[in-house]
Amino acid sequence: MIFAHRARAWLMLLPFFGLLGATYWLNQQVLPDLAKPDISKRHDPDAIMENFSATKLNEQGVPHFFMAATKMLHYPDDDSTILESPRITMLSAEQPALHASANHGTLSSKGDEVFLQDQVEVLREASARQEGMTLQTEYLHIIPDQDLANTDRAVTLVDAHNTVHATGMELDNKTRTLKLFSQVRSEYVPSKP
């Protein structure tokens, strides 16, 4: 008996619960979707390497290009690769090596171009025909497959007898030519007997 009495009391509330459920469902249909965070717009690295180095070989299997950095971060949203304290060496069988270093660097998405920034220094080793030389600038664009490096910024070149200041330059490592583009000033210091 008690069970039948309680069942009748709950049956009277059944239309109320049905109306409550229908009201909740209708409310959910008219509310806008809550904005979900768009993770595709985030700039988070998907790969981090510390103290790495890589060597690129030429067609004969001989090391041609060497790159190292204290840290490399790859970002998938723009396919960029950032380098911290990069060091680069361009090797040639016929010519002395070129060494470049900087505080920061960026690799192109295909990895075929390197952009060095902030206290860039290039050292050309001495050879039997040429003295060693250092080059300093704030930005350098390197194309390893073509053995080219260029900048549109101020550069300072120093060798045993000359200090040259210019704006913009192109260095061809294959032919060992250096083109200075504008505002070239040179100071020659003769060797002491």
C-alpha atoms as a PDB file:
ATOM      1  CA  MET A   1       0.000   0.000   0.000  1.00  0.00           C
ATOM      2  CA  ILE A   2       2.666   2.432   0.924  1.00  0.00           C
ATOM      3  CA  PHE A   3       4.467   1.676  -2.344  1.00  0.00           C
ATOM      4  CA  ALA A   4       1.322   2.406  -4.407  1.00  0.00           C
ATOM      5  CA  HIS A   5       0.767   5.682  -2.551  1.00  0.00           C
ATOM      6  CA  ARG A   6       4.349   6.824  -3.232  1.00  0.00           C
ATOM      7  CA  ALA A   7       4.118   5.763  -6.889  1.00  0.00           C
ATOM      8  CA  ARG A   8       1.008   7.943  -7.346  1.00  0.00           C
ATOM      9  CA  ALA A   9       2.820  10.924  -5.815  1.00  0.00           C
ATOM     10  CA  TRP A  10       5.745  10.471  -8.209  1.00  0.00           C
ATOM     11  CA  LEU A  11       3.398   9.980 -11.179  1.00  0.00           C
ATOM     12  CA  MET A  12       1.892  13.389 -10.477  1.00  0.00           C
ATOM     13  CA  LEU A  13       5.388  14.919 -10.722  1.00  0.00           C
ATOM     14  CA  LEU A  14       6.200  13.134 -14.008  1.00  0.00           C
ATOM     15  CA  PRO A  15       4.720  15.902 -16.276  1.00  0.00           C
ATOM     16  CA  PHE A  16       6.722  18.464 -14.284  1.00  0.00           C
ATOM     17  CA  PHE A  17       9.997  16.550 -14.861  1.00  0.00           C
ATOM     18  CA  GLY A  18       9.100  16.182 -18.556  1.00  0.00           C
ATOM     19  CA  LEU A  19       8.507  19.946 -18.824  1.00  0.00           C
ATOM     20  CA  LEU A  20      11.793  20.605 -16.969  1.00  0.00           C
ATOM     21  CA  GLY A  21      13.732  18.311 -19.354  1.00  0.00           C
ATOM     22  CA  ALA A  22      12.135  19.892 -22.454  1.00  0.00           C
ATOM     23  CA  THR A  23      12.975  23.387 -21.135  1.00  0.00           C
ATOM     24  CA  TYR A  24      16.620  22.394 -20.552  1.00  0.00           C
ATOM     25  CA  TRP A  25      16.888  20.878 -24.046  1.00  0.00           C
ATOM     26  CA  LEU A  26      15.342  23.978 -25.664  1.00  0.00           C
ATOM     27  CA  ASN A  27      17.710  26.233 -23.703  1.00  0.00           C
ATOM     28  CA  GLN A  28      20.737  24.228 -24.957  1.00  0.00           C
ATOM     29  CA  GLN A  29      19.526  24.611 -28.551  1.00  0.00           C
ATOM     30  CA  VAL A  30      19.395  28.429 -28.454  1.00  0.00           C
ATOM     31  CA  LEU A  31      22.615  29.072 -26.494  1.00  0.00           C
ATOM     32  CA  PRO A  32      25.694  29.795 -28.655  1.00  0.00           C
ATOM     33  CA  ASP A  33      28.522  27.256 -28.510  1.00  0.00           C
ATOM     34  CA  LEU A  34      31.142  28.221 -26.015  1.00  0.00           C
ATOM     35  CA  ALA A  35      34.245  29.440 -27.798  1.00  0.00           C
ATOM     36  CA  LYS A  36      36.836  26.711 -27.791  1.00  0.00           C
ATOM     37  CA  PRO A  37      40.447  27.856 -27.850  1.00  0.00           C
ATOM     38  CA  ASP A  38      41.899  27.685 -31.364  1.00  0.00           C
ATOM     39  CA  ILE A  39      45.152  25.840 -30.855  1.00  0.00           C
ATOM     40  CA  SER A  40      46.086  26.301 -34.522  1.00  0.00           C
ATOM     41  CA  LYS A  41      46.886  29.963 -33.764  1.00  0.00           C
ATOM     42  CA  ARG A  42      49.307  29.098 -30.964  1.00  0.00           C
ATOM     43  CA  HIS A  43      53.029  29.461 -31.545  1.00  0.00           C
ATOM     44  CA  ASP A  44      54.354  26.519 -29.519  1.00  0.00           C
ATOM     45  CA  PRO A  45      57.335  24.398 -30.553  1.00  0.00           C
ATOM     46  CA  ASP A  46      56.680  20.799 -31.546  1.00  0.00           C
ATOM     47  CA  ALA A  47      60.382  19.866 -31.462  1.00  0.00           C
ATOM     48  CA  ILE A  48      63.241  21.085 -29.273  1.00  0.00           C
ATOM     49  CA  MET A  49      66.841  19.936 -29.602  1.00  0.00           C
ATOM     50  CA  GLU A  50      69.687  21.044 -27.371  1.00  0.00           C
ATOM     51  CA  ASN A  51      73.389  21.029 -28.258  1.00  0.00           C
ATOM     52  CA  PHE A  52      72.789  19.611 -31.705  1.00  0.00           C
ATOM     53  CA  SER A  53      74.957  19.451 -34.803  1.00  0.00           C
ATOM     54  CA  ALA A  54      74.309  18.477 -38.415  1.00  0.00           C
ATOM     55  CA  THR A  55      76.621  17.843 -41.360  1.00  0.00           C
ATOM     56  CA  LYS A  56      75.610  18.092 -45.010  1.00  0.00           C
ATOM     57  CA  LEU A  57      77.602  16.078 -47.531  1.00  0.00           C
ATOM     58  CA  ASN A  58      78.280  16.954 -51.174  1.00  0.00           C
ATOM     59  CA  GLU A  59      77.643  14.557 -54.094  1.00  0.00           C
ATOM     60  CA  GLN A  60      80.945  12.772 -53.415  1.00  0.00           C
ATOM     61  CA  GLY A  61      80.026  12.121 -49.779  1.00  0.00           C
ATOM     62  CA  VAL A  62      82.502  14.694 -48.432  1.00  0.00           C
ATOM     63  CA  PRO A  63      81.356  17.083 -45.654  1.00  0.00           C
ATOM     64  CA  HIS A  64      80.377  20.383 -47.241  1.00  0.00           C
ATOM     65  CA  PHE A  65      78.380  22.248 -44.600  1.00  0.00           C
ATOM     66  CA  PHE A  66      78.351  21.941 -40.827  1.00  0.00           C
ATOM     67  CA  MET A  67      75.817  23.561 -38.487  1.00  0.00           C
ATOM     68  CA  ALA A  68      75.554  23.440 -34.695  1.00  0.00           C
ATOM     69  CA  ALA A  69      73.555  25.362 -32.084  1.00  0.00           C
ATOM     70  CA  THR A  70      72.964  25.307 -28.351  1.00  0.00           C
ATOM     71  CA  LYS A  71      69.219  24.982 -28.996  1.00  0.00           C
ATOM     72  CA  MET A  72      66.907  24.489 -31.975  1.00  0.00           C
ATOM     73  CA  LEU A  73      63.131  24.971 -31.796  1.00  0.00           C
ATOM     74  CA  HIS A  74      60.698  24.061 -34.598  1.00  0.00           C
ATOM     75  CA  TYR A  75      57.245  25.719 -34.746  1.00  0.00           C
ATOM     76  CA  PRO A  76      54.608  23.876 -36.809  1.00  0.00           C
ATOM     77  CA  ASP A  77      52.180  26.827 -37.181  1.00  0.00           C
ATOM     78  CA  ASP A  78      54.538  28.705 -39.540  1.00  0.00           C
ATOM     79  CA  ASP A  79      57.091  25.903 -40.170  1.00  0.00           C
ATOM     80  CA  SER A  80      59.884  28.063 -38.746  1.00  0.00           C
ATOM     81  CA  THR A  81      63.036  26.814 -37.042  1.00  0.00           C
ATOM     82  CA  ILE A  82      64.802  29.056 -34.525  1.00  0.00           C
ATOM     83  CA  LEU A  83      68.453  28.583 -33.564  1.00  0.00           C
ATOM     84  CA  GLU A  84      70.164  29.818 -30.419  1.00  0.00           C
ATOM     85  CA  SER A  85      73.918  30.520 -30.681  1.00  0.00           C
ATOM     86  CA  PRO A  86      74.294  28.956 -34.138  1.00  0.00           C
ATOM     87  CA  ARG A  87      77.723  28.071 -35.544  1.00  0.00           C
ATOM     88  CA  ILE A  88      78.161  27.310 -39.228  1.00  0.00           C
ATOM     89  CA  THR A  89      81.159  26.080 -41.220  1.00  0.00           C
ATOM     90  CA  MET A  90      81.241  26.066 -45.029  1.00  0.00           C
ATOM     91  CA  LEU A  91      83.878  23.637 -46.287  1.00  0.00           C
ATOM     92  CA  SER A  92      85.568  23.470 -49.693  1.00  0.00           C
ATOM     93  CA  ALA A  93      88.340  21.193 -50.981  1.00  0.00           C
ATOM     94  CA  GLU A  94      89.916  24.064 -52.927  1.00  0.00           C
ATOM     95  CA  GLN A  95      89.454  26.922 -50.446  1.00  0.00           C
ATOM     96  CA  PRO A  96      89.961  27.502 -46.707  1.00  0.00           C
ATOM     97  CA  ALA A  97      86.894  27.055 -44.518  1.00  0.00           C
ATOM     98  CA  LEU A  98      84.486  29.848 -43.595  1.00  0.00           C
ATOM     99  CA  HIS A  99      83.134  29.851 -40.036  1.00  0.00           C
ATOM    100  CA  ALA A 100      80.078  31.923 -39.040  1.00  0.00           C
ATOM    101  CA  SER A 101      78.522  32.425 -35.619  1.00  0.00           C
ATOM    102  CA  ALA A 102      75.737  34.583 -34.181  1.00  0.00           C
ATOM    103  CA  ASN A 103      73.531  34.936 -31.141  1.00  0.00           C
ATOM    104  CA  HIS A 104      70.370  33.910 -33.019  1.00  0.00           C
ATOM    105  CA  GLY A 105      69.416  32.296 -36.289  1.00  0.00           C
ATOM    106  CA  THR A 106      66.488  31.042 -38.354  1.00  0.00           C
ATOM    107  CA  LEU A 107      66.269  28.217 -40.894  1.00  0.00           C
ATOM    108  CA  SER A 108      63.974  28.428 -43.910  1.00  0.00           C
ATOM    109  CA  SER A 109      61.133  25.905 -43.978  1.00  0.00           C
ATOM    110  CA  LYS A 110      63.043  23.737 -46.499  1.00  0.00           C
ATOM    111  CA  GLY A 111      66.299  24.095 -44.549  1.00  0.00           C
ATOM    112  CA  ASP A 112      68.139  25.432 -47.600  1.00  0.00           C
ATOM    113  CA  GLU A 113      68.706  28.962 -46.225  1.00  0.00           C
ATOM    114  CA  VAL A 114      70.067  30.212 -42.905  1.00  0.00           C
ATOM    115  CA  PHE A 115      69.460  33.694 -41.510  1.00  0.00           C
ATOM    116  CA  LEU A 116      71.859  34.784 -38.758  1.00  0.00           C
ATOM    117  CA  GLN A 117      71.087  37.763 -36.517  1.00  0.00           C
ATOM    118  CA  ASP A 118      72.659  39.655 -33.652  1.00  0.00           C
ATOM    119  CA  GLN A 119      76.456  39.893 -33.434  1.00  0.00           C
ATOM    120  CA  VAL A 120      77.215  37.868 -36.548  1.00  0.00           C
ATOM    121  CA  GLU A 121      80.886  37.090 -37.052  1.00  0.00           C
ATOM    122  CA  VAL A 122      82.439  35.302 -40.033  1.00  0.00           C
ATOM    123  CA  LEU A 123      86.033  34.050 -40.027  1.00  0.00           C
ATOM    124  CA  ARG A 124      87.718  33.121 -43.298  1.00  0.00           C
ATOM    125  CA  GLU A 125      90.743  30.967 -42.597  1.00  0.00           C
ATOM    126  CA  ALA A 126      94.058  31.992 -44.132  1.00  0.00           C
ATOM    127  CA  SER A 127      95.402  30.213 -47.189  1.00  0.00           C
ATOM    128  CA  ALA A 128      98.682  30.283 -49.112  1.00  0.00           C
ATOM    129  CA  ARG A 129      97.180  32.993 -51.368  1.00  0.00           C
ATOM    130  CA  GLN A 130      95.072  34.994 -48.886  1.00  0.00           C
ATOM    131  CA  GLU A 131      95.338  36.176 -45.323  1.00  0.00           C
ATOM    132  CA  GLY A 132      92.660  35.321 -42.810  1.00  0.00           C
ATOM    133  CA  MET A 133      89.769  37.767 -42.519  1.00  0.00           C
ATOM    134  CA  THR A 134      86.942  38.456 -40.100  1.00  0.00           C
ATOM    135  CA  LEU A 135      83.605  40.009 -40.993  1.00  0.00           C
ATOM    136  CA  GLN A 136      81.144  41.464 -38.494  1.00  0.00           C
ATOM    137  CA  THR A 137      77.529  42.466 -39.080  1.00  0.00           C
ATOM    138  CA  GLU A 138      74.124  42.250 -37.411  1.00  0.00           C
ATOM    139  CA  TYR A 139      72.451  40.115 -40.113  1.00  0.00           C
ATOM    140  CA  LEU A 140      73.675  37.533 -42.622  1.00  0.00           C
ATOM    141  CA  HIS A 141      71.740  35.416 -45.130  1.00  0.00           C
ATOM    142  CA  ILE A 142      73.524  32.172 -46.055  1.00  0.00           C
ATOM    143  CA  ILE A 143      72.601  29.879 -48.964  1.00  0.00           C
ATOM    144  CA  PRO A 144      74.786  26.801 -48.330  1.00  0.00           C
ATOM    145  CA  ASP A 145      74.047  24.944 -51.608  1.00  0.00           C
ATOM    146  CA  GLN A 146      75.267  27.958 -53.589  1.00  0.00           C
ATOM    147  CA  ASP A 147      78.129  28.844 -51.199  1.00  0.00           C
ATOM    148  CA  LEU A 148      76.734  32.392 -50.931  1.00  0.00           C
ATOM    149  CA  ALA A 149      76.331  34.790 -48.018  1.00  0.00           C
ATOM    150  CA  ASN A 150      74.919  38.309 -48.188  1.00  0.00           C
ATOM    151  CA  THR A 151      73.623  41.171 -46.114  1.00  0.00           C
ATOM    152  CA  ASP A 152      72.108  44.596 -46.674  1.00  0.00           C
ATOM    153  CA  ARG A 153      73.343  45.866 -43.286  1.00  0.00           C
ATOM    154  CA  ALA A 154      76.548  47.537 -42.162  1.00  0.00           C
ATOM    155  CA  VAL A 155      79.616  45.289 -42.290  1.00  0.00           C
ATOM    156  CA  THR A 156      83.163  45.565 -40.966  1.00  0.00           C
ATOM    157  CA  LEU A 157      85.932  43.485 -42.542  1.00  0.00           C
ATOM    158  CA  VAL A 158      89.314  43.143 -40.862  1.00  0.00           C
ATOM    159  CA  ASP A 159      92.458  41.407 -42.112  1.00  0.00           C
ATOM    160  CA  ALA A 160      96.135  41.824 -41.246  1.00  0.00           C
ATOM    161  CA  HIS A 161      96.441  45.194 -43.023  1.00  0.00           C
ATOM    162  CA  ASN A 162      92.938  46.565 -43.684  1.00  0.00           C
ATOM    163  CA  THR A 163      89.818  47.552 -41.877  1.00  0.00           C
ATOM    164  CA  VAL A 164      86.902  48.102 -44.253  1.00  0.00           C
ATOM    165  CA  HIS A 165      83.446  49.448 -43.393  1.00  0.00           C
ATOM    166  CA  ALA A 166      80.564  49.195 -45.875  1.00  0.00           C
ATOM    167  CA  THR A 167      76.821  48.820 -46.162  1.00  0.00           C
ATOM    168  CA  GLY A 168      75.737  45.622 -47.873  1.00  0.00           C
ATOM    169  CA  MET A 169      77.903  42.844 -49.249  1.00  0.00           C
ATOM    170  CA  GLU A 170      77.851  39.516 -51.053  1.00  0.00           C
ATOM    171  CA  LEU A 171      80.380  36.768 -50.387  1.00  0.00           C
ATOM    172  CA  ASP A 172      80.785  33.947 -52.922  1.00  0.00           C
ATOM    173  CA  ASN A 173      82.688  31.149 -51.201  1.00  0.00           C
ATOM    174  CA  LYS A 174      83.232  29.174 -54.449  1.00  0.00           C
ATOM    175  CA  THR A 175      85.031  31.976 -56.276  1.00  0.00           C
ATOM    176  CA  ARG A 176      86.259  33.669 -53.085  1.00  0.00           C
ATOM    177  CA  THR A 177      84.900  37.015 -54.257  1.00  0.00           C
ATOM    178  CA  LEU A 178      83.535  39.688 -52.002  1.00  0.00           C
ATOM    179  CA  LYS A 179      81.330  42.515 -53.300  1.00  0.00           C
ATOM    180  CA  LEU A 180      80.743  45.594 -51.139  1.00  0.00           C
ATOM    181  CA  PHE A 181      77.692  47.606 -52.178  1.00  0.00           C
ATOM    182  CA  SER A 182      77.800  51.133 -50.736  1.00  0.00           C
ATOM    183  CA  GLN A 183      79.429  53.584 -48.318  1.00  0.00           C
ATOM    184  CA  VAL A 184      82.758  51.755 -48.508  1.00  0.00           C
ATOM    185  CA  ARG A 185      85.526  53.183 -46.308  1.00  0.00           C
ATOM    186  CA  SER A 186      88.897  51.539 -45.881  1.00  0.00           C
ATOM    187  CA  GLU A 187      91.864  52.056 -43.603  1.00  0.00           C
ATOM    188  CA  TYR A 188      95.182  50.490 -44.601  1.00  0.00           C
ATOM    189  CA  VAL A 189      97.819  49.725 -41.986  1.00  0.00           C
ATOM    190  CA  PRO A 190     101.198  48.840 -43.512  1.00  0.00           C
ATOM    191  CA  SER A 191     103.112  45.943 -42.001  1.00  0.00           C
ATOM    192  CA  LYS A 192     105.995  46.820 -39.723  1.00  0.00           C
ATOM    193  CA  PRO A 193     109.492  45.883 -40.893  1.00  0.00           C
END
